[in-house]
Protein backbone atom coordinates (compact mmCIF):
# COMPACT_ATOMS: atom_id res chain seq x y z
CA MET A 1 -42.98 -28.76 24.68
CA SER A 2 -41.22 -26.44 27.14
CA ALA A 3 -41.14 -27.49 30.80
CA VAL A 4 -41.72 -23.91 31.88
CA GLN A 5 -44.91 -21.88 31.88
CA VAL A 6 -44.83 -18.10 32.38
CA ASP A 7 -47.74 -15.89 33.39
CA SER A 8 -46.81 -12.19 33.57
CA ARG A 9 -50.27 -10.64 34.03
CA GLY A 10 -50.60 -7.89 36.63
CA PRO A 11 -47.86 -6.93 39.13
CA VAL A 12 -46.98 -10.58 39.76
CA ARG A 13 -45.01 -12.83 37.44
CA ILE A 14 -45.65 -16.56 37.79
CA LEU A 15 -42.98 -19.04 36.71
CA ARG A 16 -43.65 -22.76 36.89
CA THR A 17 -42.34 -26.09 35.69
CA GLN A 18 -44.63 -28.84 34.50
CA ASP A 19 -44.65 -32.19 36.26
CA THR A 20 -41.58 -33.89 34.84
CA GLY A 21 -38.95 -36.34 35.95
CA SER A 22 -36.42 -35.23 33.37
CA HIS A 23 -33.08 -33.66 34.20
CA ARG A 24 -34.00 -30.84 31.83
CA GLY A 25 -37.07 -30.05 33.91
CA PHE A 26 -35.02 -29.56 37.06
CA GLN A 27 -32.49 -27.55 35.12
CA PHE A 28 -35.32 -25.20 34.17
CA TRP A 29 -36.18 -24.88 37.85
CA GLY A 30 -32.62 -23.83 38.60
CA GLU A 31 -32.92 -21.13 35.93
CA LEU A 32 -36.21 -19.90 37.40
CA VAL A 33 -34.81 -19.72 40.93
CA ALA A 34 -31.72 -17.86 39.72
CA GLU A 35 -33.93 -15.41 37.81
CA ALA A 36 -36.01 -14.67 40.91
CA CYS A 37 -33.25 -14.77 43.54
CA GLY A 38 -29.94 -14.13 41.78
CA PRO A 39 -27.01 -16.52 41.15
CA LEU A 40 -27.46 -19.78 43.03
CA ARG A 41 -26.42 -23.42 42.88
CA VAL A 42 -29.62 -25.52 42.85
CA TYR A 43 -29.55 -29.28 43.36
CA ARG A 44 -31.82 -32.25 44.08
CA THR A 45 -32.12 -33.83 47.52
CA GLU A 46 -34.64 -36.54 46.53
CA PRO A 47 -35.06 -38.60 43.33
CA GLY A 48 -38.23 -38.72 41.21
CA SER A 49 -40.39 -36.21 39.40
CA PHE A 50 -40.11 -32.53 40.24
CA GLN A 51 -42.66 -29.71 40.38
CA GLY A 52 -41.99 -26.10 41.17
CA ALA A 53 -43.66 -22.70 40.90
CA ILE A 54 -42.58 -19.18 41.86
CA ALA A 55 -44.95 -16.20 41.97
CA THR A 56 -42.93 -13.03 42.34
CA GLY A 57 -43.58 -9.31 42.15
CA VAL A 58 -42.32 -5.95 43.37
CA PHE A 59 -44.61 -4.25 45.90
CA GLY A 60 -43.40 -0.78 46.81
CA ASN A 61 -39.88 -1.15 48.22
CA VAL A 62 -40.02 -4.91 48.77
CA GLN A 63 -40.29 -7.97 46.57
CA LEU A 64 -42.57 -10.87 47.45
CA ALA A 65 -42.00 -14.41 46.22
CA GLU A 66 -44.25 -17.39 46.88
CA VAL A 67 -42.53 -20.74 46.30
CA ARG A 68 -44.09 -24.18 45.96
CA ALA A 69 -41.64 -26.93 45.09
CA SER A 70 -40.59 -30.53 45.54
CA ALA A 71 -37.64 -31.34 47.78
CA HIS A 72 -34.41 -29.61 46.73
CA ALA A 73 -31.67 -27.31 48.00
CA VAL A 74 -30.19 -23.97 46.99
CA GLU A 75 -26.76 -22.63 47.81
CA ARG A 76 -24.99 -19.32 47.32
CA THR A 77 -21.28 -19.97 47.44
CA GLU A 78 -18.61 -17.37 48.21
CA LEU A 79 -17.92 -17.04 44.48
CA LEU A 80 -21.61 -16.60 43.62
CA ALA A 81 -22.02 -14.05 46.42
CA HIS A 82 -19.27 -11.96 44.80
CA GLN A 83 -20.87 -12.36 41.36
CA ALA A 84 -24.30 -11.14 42.49
CA ALA A 85 -25.17 -7.68 41.16
CA THR A 86 -27.16 -6.81 44.29
CA ALA A 87 -27.48 -8.19 47.80
CA SER A 88 -30.60 -8.19 49.95
CA LEU A 89 -32.06 -9.60 53.12
CA HIS A 90 -34.75 -12.28 52.83
CA LEU A 91 -37.37 -12.86 55.53
CA THR A 92 -39.45 -15.97 54.85
CA CYS A 93 -42.58 -17.52 56.33
CA VAL A 94 -42.84 -21.32 56.03
CA LEU A 95 -46.47 -22.07 55.13
CA ASP A 96 -45.92 -25.82 54.87
CA GLY A 97 -42.81 -27.96 55.10
CA GLU A 98 -39.39 -27.52 56.64
CA VAL A 99 -36.26 -25.56 55.70
CA GLN A 100 -32.75 -26.00 57.07
CA VAL A 101 -30.96 -22.67 56.76
CA SER A 102 -27.20 -22.29 57.19
CA GLN A 103 -25.09 -19.14 56.95
CA ASP A 104 -21.55 -18.54 58.15
CA GLU A 105 -21.30 -20.41 61.46
CA GLN A 106 -25.07 -20.28 62.07
CA SER A 107 -27.52 -23.13 61.34
CA ALA A 108 -31.21 -23.57 62.20
CA THR A 109 -34.41 -25.30 61.08
CA ALA A 110 -37.65 -23.47 60.28
CA ARG A 111 -40.86 -25.51 60.29
CA THR A 112 -44.46 -24.77 59.36
CA GLY A 113 -45.50 -21.48 60.97
CA ASN A 114 -41.93 -20.33 61.59
CA LEU A 115 -40.14 -17.33 60.12
CA PHE A 116 -36.50 -17.34 59.08
CA CYS A 117 -34.07 -14.80 57.68
CA TYR A 118 -30.81 -14.88 55.75
CA ASP A 119 -28.51 -12.37 54.08
CA SER A 120 -27.74 -12.88 50.38
CA SER A 121 -24.56 -10.78 50.65
CA ARG A 122 -22.96 -13.77 52.42
CA PRO A 123 -22.82 -17.47 51.40
CA TYR A 124 -25.83 -19.48 52.55
CA THR A 125 -27.62 -22.80 52.03
CA LEU A 126 -31.34 -23.61 52.17
CA ARG A 127 -32.12 -27.34 52.27
CA MET A 128 -35.68 -28.65 51.86
CA GLN A 129 -35.92 -32.41 52.44
CA ARG A 130 -39.61 -32.57 51.52
CA PRO A 131 -42.08 -30.46 49.50
CA ILE A 132 -42.07 -26.83 50.56
CA HIS A 133 -44.55 -23.95 50.43
CA MET A 134 -43.19 -20.62 51.62
CA VAL A 135 -43.45 -16.90 50.96
CA SER A 136 -40.42 -14.64 51.14
CA VAL A 137 -39.89 -10.89 51.46
CA LYS A 138 -36.77 -9.54 49.75
CA PHE A 139 -35.72 -6.14 51.07
CA ASP A 140 -32.80 -3.75 51.21
CA HIS A 141 -30.44 -3.79 54.20
CA ARG A 142 -31.22 -0.11 54.75
CA LEU A 143 -34.78 -0.94 55.77
CA VAL A 144 -33.40 -2.35 59.03
CA ASP A 145 -30.27 -0.17 59.20
CA LEU A 146 -27.79 -2.94 58.38
CA GLN A 147 -24.93 -3.05 55.90
CA ALA A 148 -24.34 -5.82 53.36
CA GLY A 149 -21.45 -8.13 54.16
CA PHE A 150 -21.36 -7.47 57.91
CA LYS A 151 -22.27 -9.88 60.69
CA HIS A 152 -25.62 -9.39 62.40
CA PRO A 153 -28.24 -11.48 64.27
CA LEU A 154 -30.49 -11.89 61.20
CA ARG A 155 -28.10 -14.35 59.53
CA ALA A 156 -29.69 -17.82 59.58
CA ALA A 157 -32.13 -16.63 62.25
CA THR A 158 -35.38 -18.51 62.88
CA TRP A 159 -38.23 -17.75 65.24
CA CYS A 160 -41.87 -18.50 65.95
CA GLY A 161 -44.43 -16.74 63.78
CA ALA A 162 -47.15 -16.87 66.45
CA LYS A 163 -46.34 -13.96 68.74
CA GLY A 164 -45.34 -10.31 68.71
CA ALA A 165 -45.09 -8.50 65.39
CA SER A 166 -44.24 -11.85 63.77
CA VAL A 167 -47.82 -13.10 63.96
CA LEU A 168 -49.04 -9.99 62.13
CA LEU A 169 -46.43 -10.36 59.40
CA ALA A 170 -47.06 -14.09 59.00
CA GLY A 171 -50.80 -13.48 58.68
CA LEU A 172 -50.31 -10.74 56.09
CA LEU A 173 -47.95 -12.91 54.03
CA ARG A 174 -50.38 -15.84 54.09
CA SER A 175 -53.16 -13.57 52.83
CA ALA A 176 -50.87 -12.03 50.21
CA THR A 177 -50.21 -15.43 48.63
CA LEU A 178 -53.94 -15.81 47.96
CA HIS A 179 -54.54 -12.45 46.33
CA MET A 180 -51.32 -10.73 45.24
CA ALA A 181 -51.75 -11.70 41.58
CA GLU A 182 -55.13 -9.90 41.55
CA LEU A 183 -53.90 -6.50 42.78
CA ASP A 184 -53.49 -3.42 40.62
CA ARG A 185 -50.28 -1.40 40.94
CA ALA A 186 -51.61 1.20 43.40
CA VAL A 187 -52.95 -1.43 45.81
CA ALA A 188 -49.80 -3.54 45.35
CA ASP A 189 -47.65 -0.61 46.49
CA ARG A 190 -49.84 -0.11 49.58
CA LEU A 191 -49.39 -3.79 50.38
CA GLY A 192 -45.64 -3.32 50.05
CA ASP A 193 -45.71 -0.42 52.50
CA SER A 194 -47.54 -2.57 55.06
CA VAL A 195 -45.17 -5.50 54.58
CA ALA A 196 -42.11 -3.22 54.90
CA CYS A 197 -43.41 -1.74 58.17
CA LEU A 198 -44.01 -5.16 59.68
CA VAL A 199 -40.67 -6.52 58.43
CA SER A 200 -38.94 -3.59 60.14
CA ALA A 201 -40.88 -4.24 63.36
CA VAL A 202 -40.11 -7.97 63.33
CA CYS A 203 -36.42 -7.41 62.63
CA SER A 204 -36.28 -4.80 65.39
CA GLU A 205 -37.47 -7.44 67.86
CA VAL A 206 -34.76 -9.85 66.70
CA LEU A 207 -32.02 -7.22 66.58
CA GLY A 208 -33.04 -5.96 70.00
CA GLY A 209 -31.42 -9.02 71.58
CA GLY A 210 -28.03 -7.57 70.75
CA GLY A 211 -26.09 -10.60 72.01
CA GLN A 212 -22.62 -10.46 73.56
CA ASP A 213 -20.78 -9.18 70.47
CA PRO A 214 -20.12 -5.43 71.11
CA ALA A 215 -20.30 -4.61 67.38
CA VAL A 216 -23.66 -6.38 67.07
CA ALA A 217 -24.93 -4.64 70.21
CA ARG A 218 -23.96 -1.23 68.79
CA GLN A 219 -25.65 -2.11 65.51
CA ALA A 220 -28.83 -3.11 67.34
CA LEU A 221 -28.81 0.10 69.39
CA LEU A 222 -28.34 2.24 66.28
CA HIS A 223 -31.27 0.49 64.62
CA ARG A 224 -33.47 1.22 67.66
CA VAL A 225 -32.41 4.87 67.63
CA LYS A 226 -33.16 5.24 63.93
CA THR A 227 -36.53 3.49 64.21
CA PHE A 228 -37.44 5.78 67.12
CA ALA A 229 -36.35 8.86 65.14
CA ARG A 230 -38.19 7.91 61.93
CA ALA A 231 -41.44 7.76 63.89
CA ARG A 232 -40.85 11.35 65.08
CA LEU A 233 -39.43 13.12 62.03
CA GLY A 234 -42.36 15.55 62.01
CA GLU A 235 -41.72 16.66 65.60
CA ARG A 236 -39.83 19.93 65.95
CA GLU A 237 -38.05 18.83 69.14
CA LEU A 238 -36.36 15.87 67.41
CA SER A 239 -32.60 16.45 67.71
CA PRO A 240 -29.42 14.51 68.54
CA ARG A 241 -29.71 15.52 72.21
CA TYR A 242 -33.33 14.36 72.28
CA LEU A 243 -32.32 10.98 70.79
CA ALA A 244 -29.45 10.54 73.24
CA ARG A 245 -31.63 11.42 76.23
CA SER A 246 -34.45 9.12 75.07
CA HIS A 247 -32.06 6.15 74.86
CA ASN A 248 -30.13 6.87 78.07
CA ILE A 249 -26.80 7.37 76.30
CA SER A 250 -24.47 10.34 76.05
CA LEU A 251 -24.53 12.64 73.04
CA ARG A 252 -20.89 11.71 72.39
CA TYR A 253 -21.71 7.99 72.28
CA LEU A 254 -24.62 8.66 69.91
CA GLN A 255 -22.26 10.59 67.64
CA LEU A 256 -19.80 7.68 67.69
CA LEU A 257 -22.58 5.25 66.63
CA PHE A 258 -23.39 7.36 63.59
CA GLN A 259 -19.71 8.05 62.92
CA GLU A 260 -19.23 4.34 62.25
CA GLU A 261 -21.52 4.85 59.24
CA GLY A 262 -19.69 7.96 58.09
CA THR A 263 -22.31 10.49 59.16
CA SER A 264 -23.63 12.35 62.21
CA PRO A 265 -27.01 12.26 63.99
CA ALA A 266 -27.92 15.74 62.76
CA LEU A 267 -27.02 15.00 59.13
CA TRP A 268 -28.90 11.70 59.25
CA ILE A 269 -32.06 13.35 60.65
CA ARG A 270 -31.89 16.05 57.97
CA GLY A 271 -31.40 13.43 55.24
CA GLU A 272 -34.39 11.39 56.44
CA ARG A 273 -36.59 14.48 56.53
CA LEU A 274 -35.54 15.50 53.01
CA ARG A 275 -36.18 11.97 51.75
CA ARG A 276 -39.71 11.99 53.18
CA CYS A 277 -40.34 15.41 51.63
CA LYS A 278 -39.12 14.11 48.27
CA GLU A 279 -41.50 11.15 48.51
CA ASP A 280 -44.45 13.45 49.34
CA LEU A 281 -43.60 15.74 46.42
CA SER A 282 -43.84 12.70 44.14
CA ASP A 283 -47.06 11.33 45.63
CA PRO A 284 -50.40 12.27 43.97
CA ARG A 285 -52.08 11.85 47.37
CA THR A 286 -50.23 14.91 48.70
CA ALA A 287 -50.62 17.04 45.56
CA HIS A 288 -53.01 19.36 47.46
CA LEU A 289 -50.25 20.32 49.92
CA THR A 290 -47.95 23.25 49.24
CA VAL A 291 -44.18 22.84 49.33
CA ALA A 292 -44.16 24.71 52.65
CA ASP A 293 -46.85 22.37 54.02
CA ILE A 294 -44.76 19.34 53.13
CA ALA A 295 -41.61 20.85 54.64
CA GLY A 296 -43.47 21.60 57.85
CA ARG A 297 -44.99 18.14 57.89
CA TRP A 298 -41.49 16.67 58.28
CA GLY A 299 -40.09 19.15 60.78
CA LEU A 300 -38.51 21.66 58.38
CA ASP A 301 -40.02 25.05 59.28
CA SER A 302 -38.44 27.51 56.86
CA ALA A 303 -39.60 27.04 53.26
CA SER A 304 -36.64 28.97 51.88
CA HIS A 305 -34.14 26.98 53.97
CA PHE A 306 -35.88 23.76 52.95
CA SER A 307 -35.63 24.71 49.27
CA LYS A 308 -31.91 25.38 49.67
CA LEU A 309 -31.29 22.05 51.45
CA PHE A 310 -33.37 20.15 48.90
CA ARG A 311 -31.46 21.64 45.98
CA GLN A 312 -28.12 20.87 47.62
CA ARG A 313 -29.12 17.21 48.03
CA TYR A 314 -31.06 16.53 44.84
CA GLY A 315 -29.84 19.15 42.37
CA VAL A 316 -33.27 20.74 41.78
CA THR A 317 -35.69 22.83 43.82
CA PRO A 318 -38.71 21.16 45.44
CA ARG A 319 -41.03 22.81 42.90
CA GLU A 320 -38.88 21.65 39.98
CA TRP A 321 -38.86 18.12 41.37
CA ARG A 322 -42.64 18.09 41.81
CA ARG A 323 -43.20 19.51 38.34
CA GLY A 324 -40.94 16.85 36.82
CA GLN A 325 -42.80 14.06 38.61
CA SER A 326 -46.14 15.26 37.25
CA GLN A 327 -44.96 15.09 33.62
CA PRO A 328 -46.21 12.15 31.51
CA GLY A 329 -43.80 9.25 31.59
CA SER A 330 -41.97 10.51 34.68
CA ALA A 331 -43.04 7.57 36.84
């Protein structure tokens, strides 16, 4: 009989091994972990029987994974990092147990109640010397305005999950492990939105430290600027000068920060506004709003100018995009 059980009901897929001491059983676990997390080297840290289960699902723009397993370790080597098709950030809450996380020159230990983060675009090791129960959020670097492969304070970072935005995120993740397999798709996506907002808030707190590395400090400042701007996209007065003034920096320095990413503050603001409009045009909850209403909602006053900008960016007019999203099978 197979050592793996699969339950794919609802938005969550559950993969588990049966209680087994065989080498084949642990080999199955390695396959399950690689399926959920990408290419990894998985190895034992303690002898004896092994049990493991992963419940994983996509919720909006993030992926949640609850892991219960006997002692073991996982490693992404330099070679495996290059082989991975995609790279993400992982923010994890330890519900029970202890994890030693190492990445580049950083190393830390996360215990029950702690949060830790690592970047799968770089080699890393997670070592669990005893049984572990944890829940992880996998998300794109763009959520926190970072770029894959670059150094930043979230590599092998650990912190307490009992204060600031961290306590809210930890509480939500604990609750999610109890009920996420029961959620329908619409509710699952709302959960994902809430998790993404809290992940961004938590990471902002960590990135806000900046450190002594000038590149990291610039990265942290740019993230704060973008977070500030995203919360005000609907305000007509939002502009590069407004952003520079609000963060006590010169307009020229603000332009240099965005220039490092190959864009400008004005182009970035316009792109974010168009992206929000595109999302609203796809959302049944905003179907009662006209195209002009949606443009105005995100700070774009002229409907004709908005239509021109939208077509330049996405290749269709706003009305054509909305019509296409309402067709059967377009989701």
